[in-house]
Structures are given as structure tokens and as C-alpha cells.
N, C-alpha and C. Protein backbone atom coordinates (compact mmCIF):
# COMPACT_ATOMS: atom_id res chain seq x y z
N UNK A 1 38.15 58.93 80.03
CA UNK A 1 37.01 58.98 80.93
C UNK A 1 35.89 59.82 80.31
N UNK A 2 36.28 60.85 79.52
CA UNK A 2 35.27 61.67 78.87
C UNK A 2 34.44 60.82 77.92
N UNK A 3 35.07 59.85 77.23
CA UNK A 3 34.34 58.98 76.32
C UNK A 3 33.35 58.12 77.07
N UNK A 4 33.75 57.62 78.24
CA UNK A 4 32.85 56.80 79.05
C UNK A 4 31.68 57.64 79.54
N UNK A 5 31.97 58.85 80.02
CA UNK A 5 30.92 59.75 80.50
C UNK A 5 29.95 60.09 79.38
N UNK A 6 30.49 60.40 78.20
CA UNK A 6 29.64 60.72 77.06
C UNK A 6 28.81 59.52 76.66
N UNK A 7 29.41 58.34 76.66
CA UNK A 7 28.68 57.12 76.30
C UNK A 7 27.55 56.85 77.28
N UNK A 8 27.82 57.03 78.57
CA UNK A 8 26.78 56.83 79.58
C UNK A 8 25.65 57.84 79.41
N UNK A 9 26.02 59.09 79.15
CA UNK A 9 25.00 60.12 78.95
C UNK A 9 24.15 59.81 77.72
N UNK A 10 24.79 59.40 76.64
CA UNK A 10 24.06 59.05 75.42
C UNK A 10 23.15 57.86 75.65
N UNK A 11 23.64 56.87 76.39
CA UNK A 11 22.83 55.69 76.71
C UNK A 11 21.60 56.09 77.51
N UNK A 12 21.79 56.91 78.52
CA UNK A 12 20.67 57.33 79.36
C UNK A 12 19.66 58.15 78.57
N UNK A 13 20.14 59.07 77.73
CA UNK A 13 19.24 59.89 76.93
C UNK A 13 18.44 59.01 75.98
N UNK A 14 19.12 58.08 75.31
CA UNK A 14 18.45 57.18 74.39
C UNK A 14 17.46 56.29 75.11
N UNK A 15 17.88 55.76 76.23
CA UNK A 15 17.03 54.82 76.97
C UNK A 15 15.88 55.50 77.67
N UNK A 16 16.04 56.76 78.09
CA UNK A 16 15.01 57.42 78.86
C UNK A 16 14.07 58.27 78.00
N UNK A 17 14.23 58.24 76.67
CA UNK A 17 13.33 58.98 75.81
C UNK A 17 12.19 58.07 75.38
N UNK A 18 11.14 58.64 74.84
CA UNK A 18 10.00 57.88 74.33
C UNK A 18 9.33 57.06 75.44
N UNK A 19 9.03 57.68 76.57
CA UNK A 19 8.46 56.98 77.71
C UNK A 19 6.98 56.70 77.50
N UNK A 20 6.54 55.56 78.03
CA UNK A 20 5.15 55.17 77.97
C UNK A 20 4.83 54.39 79.25
N UNK A 21 3.92 54.91 80.07
CA UNK A 21 3.53 54.21 81.29
C UNK A 21 2.86 52.90 80.93
N UNK A 22 3.22 51.85 81.68
CA UNK A 22 2.63 50.54 81.42
C UNK A 22 2.31 49.84 82.75
N UNK A 23 1.50 48.82 82.67
CA UNK A 23 1.23 47.94 83.80
C UNK A 23 2.31 46.85 83.76
N UNK A 24 2.77 46.35 84.91
CA UNK A 24 3.82 45.32 84.90
C UNK A 24 3.47 44.10 84.04
N UNK A 25 2.19 43.82 83.88
CA UNK A 25 1.79 42.67 83.05
C UNK A 25 2.12 42.90 81.58
N UNK A 26 2.42 44.15 81.20
CA UNK A 26 2.78 44.45 79.82
C UNK A 26 4.28 44.30 79.56
N UNK A 27 5.04 44.05 80.61
CA UNK A 27 6.48 43.81 80.47
C UNK A 27 6.71 42.31 80.42
N UNK A 28 7.78 41.87 79.75
CA UNK A 28 8.08 40.44 79.71
C UNK A 28 8.30 39.89 81.14
N UNK A 29 7.88 38.67 81.35
CA UNK A 29 8.00 38.05 82.67
C UNK A 29 9.44 38.06 83.17
N UNK A 30 10.40 37.87 82.27
CA UNK A 30 11.81 37.86 82.67
C UNK A 30 12.22 39.22 83.24
N UNK A 31 11.65 40.29 82.71
CA UNK A 31 11.96 41.64 83.19
C UNK A 31 11.34 41.86 84.58
N UNK A 32 10.07 41.50 84.71
CA UNK A 32 9.38 41.66 85.99
C UNK A 32 10.06 40.81 87.06
N UNK A 33 10.39 39.56 86.73
CA UNK A 33 11.05 38.66 87.68
C UNK A 33 12.42 39.19 88.10
N UNK A 34 13.19 39.72 87.14
CA UNK A 34 14.51 40.27 87.46
C UNK A 34 14.36 41.42 88.44
N UNK A 35 13.38 42.30 88.20
CA UNK A 35 13.17 43.42 89.12
C UNK A 35 12.76 42.92 90.50
N UNK A 36 11.79 42.02 90.55
CA UNK A 36 11.28 41.54 91.84
C UNK A 36 12.34 40.78 92.63
N UNK A 37 13.22 40.06 91.94
CA UNK A 37 14.29 39.35 92.64
C UNK A 37 15.32 40.33 93.21
N UNK A 38 15.62 41.37 92.45
CA UNK A 38 16.62 42.35 92.88
C UNK A 38 16.09 43.27 93.98
N UNK A 39 14.79 43.61 93.90
CA UNK A 39 14.19 44.58 94.84
C UNK A 39 12.88 44.04 95.41
N UNK A 40 12.93 42.98 96.21
CA UNK A 40 11.71 42.37 96.72
C UNK A 40 10.92 43.26 97.68
N UNK A 41 11.54 44.26 98.27
CA UNK A 41 10.86 45.12 99.23
C UNK A 41 10.48 46.48 98.63
N UNK A 42 10.49 46.57 97.29
CA UNK A 42 10.15 47.82 96.63
C UNK A 42 8.68 48.17 96.87
N UNK A 43 8.44 49.48 97.08
CA UNK A 43 7.07 49.98 97.23
C UNK A 43 6.85 51.12 96.25
N UNK A 44 5.60 51.49 96.06
CA UNK A 44 5.23 52.60 95.18
C UNK A 44 5.90 52.43 93.80
N UNK A 45 5.72 51.25 93.22
CA UNK A 45 6.40 50.88 91.98
C UNK A 45 5.62 51.40 90.76
N UNK A 46 6.34 52.04 89.85
CA UNK A 46 5.75 52.55 88.60
C UNK A 46 6.61 52.07 87.43
N UNK A 47 5.94 51.54 86.41
CA UNK A 47 6.63 50.99 85.24
C UNK A 47 6.42 51.89 84.03
N UNK A 48 7.49 52.01 83.22
CA UNK A 48 7.42 52.72 81.94
C UNK A 48 8.20 51.95 80.90
N UNK A 49 7.75 52.03 79.68
CA UNK A 49 8.49 51.47 78.56
C UNK A 49 9.29 52.61 77.96
N UNK A 50 10.60 52.43 77.84
CA UNK A 50 11.50 53.44 77.30
C UNK A 50 12.20 52.84 76.09
N UNK A 51 11.67 53.09 74.92
CA UNK A 51 12.21 52.44 73.73
C UNK A 51 11.97 50.95 73.84
N UNK A 52 13.04 50.16 73.77
CA UNK A 52 12.91 48.71 73.93
C UNK A 52 13.09 48.28 75.37
N UNK A 53 13.52 49.20 76.24
CA UNK A 53 13.82 48.88 77.64
C UNK A 53 12.67 49.25 78.56
N UNK A 54 12.83 48.88 79.83
CA UNK A 54 11.80 49.13 80.84
C UNK A 54 12.42 49.90 82.00
N UNK A 55 11.77 51.00 82.37
CA UNK A 55 12.23 51.80 83.50
C UNK A 55 11.25 51.58 84.65
N UNK A 56 11.81 51.33 85.82
CA UNK A 56 10.99 51.11 87.00
C UNK A 56 11.40 52.12 88.07
N UNK A 57 10.45 52.94 88.49
CA UNK A 57 10.67 53.88 89.58
C UNK A 57 10.02 53.29 90.82
N UNK A 58 10.72 53.37 91.95
CA UNK A 58 10.20 52.78 93.17
C UNK A 58 10.89 53.37 94.39
N UNK A 59 10.38 53.01 95.54
CA UNK A 59 10.98 53.41 96.81
C UNK A 59 11.33 52.14 97.57
N UNK A 60 12.34 52.25 98.42
CA UNK A 60 12.73 51.10 99.24
C UNK A 60 13.40 51.60 100.51
N UNK A 61 13.21 50.86 101.58
CA UNK A 61 13.89 51.20 102.83
C UNK A 61 13.04 52.05 103.75
N UNK A 62 13.60 52.27 104.92
CA UNK A 62 12.91 53.01 105.97
C UNK A 62 12.66 54.46 105.54
N UNK A 63 13.64 55.06 104.88
CA UNK A 63 13.52 56.46 104.47
C UNK A 63 12.77 56.61 103.15
N UNK A 64 12.34 55.50 102.56
CA UNK A 64 11.63 55.53 101.27
C UNK A 64 12.36 56.37 100.23
N UNK A 65 13.63 56.07 100.04
CA UNK A 65 14.42 56.79 99.04
C UNK A 65 14.00 56.37 97.64
N UNK A 66 13.98 57.35 96.73
CA UNK A 66 13.60 57.09 95.35
C UNK A 66 14.71 56.37 94.60
N UNK A 67 14.30 55.39 93.81
CA UNK A 67 15.20 54.62 92.97
C UNK A 67 14.61 54.55 91.57
N UNK A 68 15.47 54.42 90.58
CA UNK A 68 15.05 54.17 89.21
C UNK A 68 16.02 53.18 88.60
N UNK A 69 15.48 52.09 88.04
CA UNK A 69 16.32 51.13 87.34
C UNK A 69 15.86 51.04 85.90
N UNK A 70 16.81 50.77 85.03
CA UNK A 70 16.53 50.55 83.62
C UNK A 70 16.91 49.11 83.32
N UNK A 71 15.96 48.36 82.76
CA UNK A 71 16.15 46.92 82.52
C UNK A 71 15.93 46.65 81.04
N UNK A 72 16.82 45.85 80.44
CA UNK A 72 16.64 45.52 79.02
C UNK A 72 15.62 44.38 78.89
N UNK A 73 15.16 44.06 77.67
CA UNK A 73 14.12 43.05 77.48
C UNK A 73 14.52 41.63 77.92
N UNK A 74 15.82 41.40 78.14
CA UNK A 74 16.26 40.08 78.60
C UNK A 74 16.32 39.99 80.12
N UNK A 75 16.03 41.11 80.82
CA UNK A 75 16.06 41.13 82.27
C UNK A 75 17.37 41.64 82.84
N UNK A 76 18.28 42.10 81.99
CA UNK A 76 19.57 42.61 82.46
C UNK A 76 19.40 44.06 82.93
N UNK A 77 19.94 44.34 84.13
CA UNK A 77 19.91 45.70 84.67
C UNK A 77 20.93 46.55 83.91
N UNK A 78 20.47 47.63 83.30
CA UNK A 78 21.34 48.53 82.56
C UNK A 78 21.90 49.61 83.49
N UNK A 79 21.02 50.18 84.31
CA UNK A 79 21.45 51.23 85.21
C UNK A 79 20.56 51.28 86.44
N UNK A 80 21.12 51.86 87.50
CA UNK A 80 20.38 52.06 88.75
C UNK A 80 20.73 53.44 89.27
N UNK A 81 19.70 54.25 89.48
CA UNK A 81 19.88 55.60 90.01
C UNK A 81 19.11 55.67 91.33
N UNK A 82 19.74 56.24 92.35
CA UNK A 82 19.05 56.39 93.62
C UNK A 82 19.37 57.73 94.25
N UNK A 83 18.36 58.31 94.90
CA UNK A 83 18.57 59.53 95.65
C UNK A 83 19.35 59.17 96.91
N UNK A 84 20.34 59.98 97.22
CA UNK A 84 21.10 59.80 98.45
C UNK A 84 21.26 61.17 99.11
N UNK A 85 21.68 61.15 100.35
CA UNK A 85 21.94 62.41 101.05
C UNK A 85 23.40 62.82 100.81
N UNK A 86 23.68 64.07 101.05
CA UNK A 86 25.05 64.58 100.88
C UNK A 86 26.02 63.80 101.75
N UNK A 87 25.57 63.38 102.93
CA UNK A 87 26.45 62.66 103.85
C UNK A 87 26.83 61.28 103.33
N UNK A 88 26.11 60.78 102.34
CA UNK A 88 26.41 59.47 101.76
C UNK A 88 27.41 59.55 100.61
N UNK A 89 27.80 60.76 100.23
CA UNK A 89 28.80 60.92 99.17
C UNK A 89 30.15 60.41 99.67
N UNK A 90 30.95 59.83 98.77
CA UNK A 90 32.30 59.42 99.17
C UNK A 90 33.12 60.63 99.61
N UNK A 91 34.04 60.40 100.51
CA UNK A 91 34.90 61.47 101.02
C UNK A 91 35.62 62.19 99.88
N UNK A 92 36.06 61.46 98.87
CA UNK A 92 36.76 62.09 97.74
C UNK A 92 35.87 63.09 97.02
N UNK A 93 34.59 62.78 96.88
CA UNK A 93 33.65 63.69 96.23
C UNK A 93 33.41 64.91 97.11
N UNK A 94 33.20 64.68 98.39
CA UNK A 94 33.00 65.80 99.32
C UNK A 94 34.21 66.73 99.33
N UNK A 95 35.41 66.16 99.30
CA UNK A 95 36.63 66.98 99.28
C UNK A 95 36.72 67.79 97.99
N UNK A 96 36.35 67.17 96.86
CA UNK A 96 36.39 67.88 95.58
C UNK A 96 35.39 69.03 95.57
N UNK A 97 34.21 68.82 96.13
CA UNK A 97 33.22 69.88 96.20
C UNK A 97 33.75 71.03 97.05
N UNK A 98 34.32 70.72 98.20
CA UNK A 98 34.87 71.75 99.09
C UNK A 98 35.96 72.56 98.40
N UNK A 99 36.79 71.87 97.62
CA UNK A 99 37.91 72.53 96.96
C UNK A 99 37.47 73.34 95.73
N UNK A 100 36.64 72.72 94.88
CA UNK A 100 36.28 73.35 93.60
C UNK A 100 35.04 74.25 93.69
N UNK A 101 34.20 74.03 94.69
CA UNK A 101 32.97 74.80 94.83
C UNK A 101 32.77 75.23 96.29
N UNK A 102 33.72 76.00 96.82
CA UNK A 102 33.58 76.42 98.22
C UNK A 102 32.33 77.27 98.41
N UNK A 103 31.66 77.05 99.53
CA UNK A 103 30.47 77.81 99.93
C UNK A 103 29.24 77.54 99.06
N UNK A 104 29.28 76.51 98.21
CA UNK A 104 28.10 76.16 97.43
C UNK A 104 27.22 75.21 98.22
N UNK A 105 25.92 75.35 98.07
CA UNK A 105 24.96 74.47 98.72
C UNK A 105 24.73 73.26 97.81
N UNK A 106 24.72 72.07 98.40
CA UNK A 106 24.52 70.83 97.65
C UNK A 106 23.05 70.44 97.70
N UNK A 107 22.51 70.02 96.54
CA UNK A 107 21.10 69.65 96.46
C UNK A 107 20.91 68.53 95.44
N UNK A 108 19.81 67.80 95.55
CA UNK A 108 19.42 66.76 94.60
C UNK A 108 20.57 65.80 94.28
N UNK A 109 21.06 65.10 95.26
CA UNK A 109 22.19 64.19 95.12
C UNK A 109 21.70 62.82 94.65
N UNK A 110 22.34 62.29 93.61
CA UNK A 110 21.99 60.98 93.07
C UNK A 110 23.25 60.14 92.86
N UNK A 111 23.11 58.88 93.17
CA UNK A 111 24.17 57.90 92.89
C UNK A 111 23.69 57.10 91.69
N UNK A 112 24.54 57.00 90.66
CA UNK A 112 24.17 56.32 89.43
C UNK A 112 25.17 55.21 89.14
N UNK A 113 24.66 54.01 88.94
CA UNK A 113 25.50 52.86 88.60
C UNK A 113 25.08 52.37 87.23
N UNK A 114 26.04 52.34 86.30
CA UNK A 114 25.78 51.88 84.93
C UNK A 114 27.08 51.37 84.33
N UNK A 115 26.99 50.25 83.66
CA UNK A 115 28.16 49.66 82.99
C UNK A 115 29.33 49.47 83.94
N UNK A 116 29.03 49.12 85.19
CA UNK A 116 30.09 48.87 86.17
C UNK A 116 30.76 50.12 86.70
N UNK A 117 30.22 51.28 86.38
CA UNK A 117 30.80 52.56 86.81
C UNK A 117 29.81 53.28 87.71
N UNK A 118 30.30 53.81 88.82
CA UNK A 118 29.47 54.58 89.74
C UNK A 118 29.83 56.06 89.62
N UNK A 119 28.80 56.88 89.44
CA UNK A 119 28.99 58.33 89.39
C UNK A 119 27.99 58.98 90.35
N UNK A 120 28.24 60.25 90.63
CA UNK A 120 27.39 61.01 91.53
C UNK A 120 26.99 62.30 90.83
N UNK A 121 25.68 62.50 90.66
CA UNK A 121 25.16 63.70 90.00
C UNK A 121 24.46 64.54 91.07
N UNK A 122 24.73 65.85 91.05
CA UNK A 122 24.13 66.73 92.05
C UNK A 122 24.07 68.15 91.54
N UNK A 123 23.32 68.96 92.26
CA UNK A 123 23.24 70.38 91.96
C UNK A 123 24.03 71.14 93.02
N UNK A 124 24.72 72.17 92.57
CA UNK A 124 25.47 73.05 93.47
C UNK A 124 24.97 74.47 93.25
N UNK A 125 24.64 75.15 94.36
CA UNK A 125 24.04 76.48 94.25
C UNK A 125 24.77 77.48 95.14
N UNK A 126 25.05 78.63 94.55
CA UNK A 126 25.59 79.79 95.28
C UNK A 126 25.18 80.99 94.45
N UNK A 127 24.24 81.75 94.95
CA UNK A 127 23.67 82.86 94.19
C UNK A 127 24.76 83.70 93.55
N UNK A 128 24.67 84.04 92.31
CA UNK A 128 23.60 83.74 91.35
C UNK A 128 23.86 82.47 90.53
N UNK A 129 24.88 81.69 90.87
CA UNK A 129 25.26 80.53 90.08
C UNK A 129 24.58 79.25 90.56
N UNK A 130 24.26 78.40 89.59
CA UNK A 130 23.78 77.05 89.87
C UNK A 130 24.39 76.13 88.83
N UNK A 131 24.94 75.01 89.30
CA UNK A 131 25.59 74.04 88.42
C UNK A 131 25.02 72.65 88.63
N UNK A 132 24.93 71.90 87.55
CA UNK A 132 24.69 70.46 87.63
C UNK A 132 26.05 69.83 87.35
N UNK A 133 26.47 68.97 88.26
CA UNK A 133 27.80 68.38 88.14
C UNK A 133 27.72 66.87 88.31
N UNK A 134 28.71 66.19 87.74
CA UNK A 134 28.84 64.75 87.88
C UNK A 134 30.29 64.47 88.29
N UNK A 135 30.45 63.68 89.35
CA UNK A 135 31.76 63.27 89.83
C UNK A 135 31.87 61.75 89.75
N UNK A 136 33.10 61.26 89.56
CA UNK A 136 33.32 59.82 89.71
C UNK A 136 33.58 59.52 91.18
N UNK A 137 33.77 58.26 91.51
CA UNK A 137 33.97 57.85 92.90
C UNK A 137 35.23 58.45 93.54
N UNK A 138 36.19 58.82 92.69
CA UNK A 138 37.45 59.37 93.18
C UNK A 138 37.44 60.89 93.30
N UNK A 139 36.28 61.50 93.05
CA UNK A 139 36.16 62.95 93.18
C UNK A 139 36.55 63.72 91.92
N UNK A 140 36.74 63.02 90.82
CA UNK A 140 37.07 63.70 89.56
C UNK A 140 35.79 64.28 88.95
N UNK A 141 35.83 65.55 88.60
CA UNK A 141 34.70 66.21 87.98
C UNK A 141 34.59 65.76 86.52
N UNK A 142 33.48 65.11 86.19
CA UNK A 142 33.28 64.58 84.84
C UNK A 142 32.45 65.51 83.96
N UNK A 143 31.48 66.20 84.58
CA UNK A 143 30.61 67.12 83.85
C UNK A 143 30.29 68.32 84.73
N UNK A 144 30.12 69.46 84.07
CA UNK A 144 29.71 70.67 84.77
C UNK A 144 28.90 71.50 83.77
N UNK A 145 27.61 71.66 84.06
CA UNK A 145 26.74 72.43 83.18
C UNK A 145 25.94 73.44 84.01
N UNK A 146 25.72 74.60 83.44
CA UNK A 146 24.93 75.63 84.11
C UNK A 146 23.50 75.14 84.25
N UNK A 147 22.93 75.43 85.39
CA UNK A 147 21.54 75.01 85.65
C UNK A 147 20.62 76.20 85.62
């Protein structure tokens, strides 16, 4: 699992570096069409070129939650990241947080889907400590770094 986590992190770092804001007309039609078909109700849409891929930041839904998708030049979705509330975390993740980080405050919760794997990245704070952590769907801690 560490290899998968490392591979996903490397993919995201590689894909999210070298950003350049663009107008949707500067992206291939297949990329724009793939995005519009997947997220027809997206609002506040912003496009960036990330290396050879395209990153789209947008909001969707009543609560206007932030989303970010990474799309390759053929229109294939590489990853999808969305802000979620703590209450939307799987029970296994909530249980792991309670057990491994008692009395820590949860902040900046994100659900990330890439390569068929769903992970949850969040910040945990308890003075004077702050951690950035990543859990899998089963509550297994995949990463823990000081923030």
C-alpha cells in the first residue's frame, strides 16, 4: 500500500506542477467535452494546464463544494479531489482518528479518487501539534507529516 500511496503522491506532484491558467478553448475539445459531460452543473470553473494534463477547479451542488479534477489529453479523468465535511468521512476513518489522534481538531477534509483508489486527506490540530494525514477507506493511516 505504501507503493500505491507513493505512486499517487508522485503522480499528483508531477501532474500539478508547472501550472498555467488557460481558457477552455485552449484545451482539446475531447478534454472539455469529457469535463462537461461528467460535471454539467459545474460553476465557477477555472482551467489550468499542468504539464501535458488539464486541471479544472470548480464548484457544484447546493453547498458549492470545491472540486478539482485532472484530465489527460485524451479526456480520461486521472483524479478527482473534493472538499467534504468531517461528517462525510467513512466510519472507519472517524474511528481511526478517534483512536490514533484523540482530542485533535479535524480541518480541511478532502476526498481524493485516483487510479480506482479513494483516500481522505485532512489536517489534525491539537496545540502545539499539527499533522497532515491521509487515510484509506478502511481507516488505515497511509501518510502522516508535520504541518
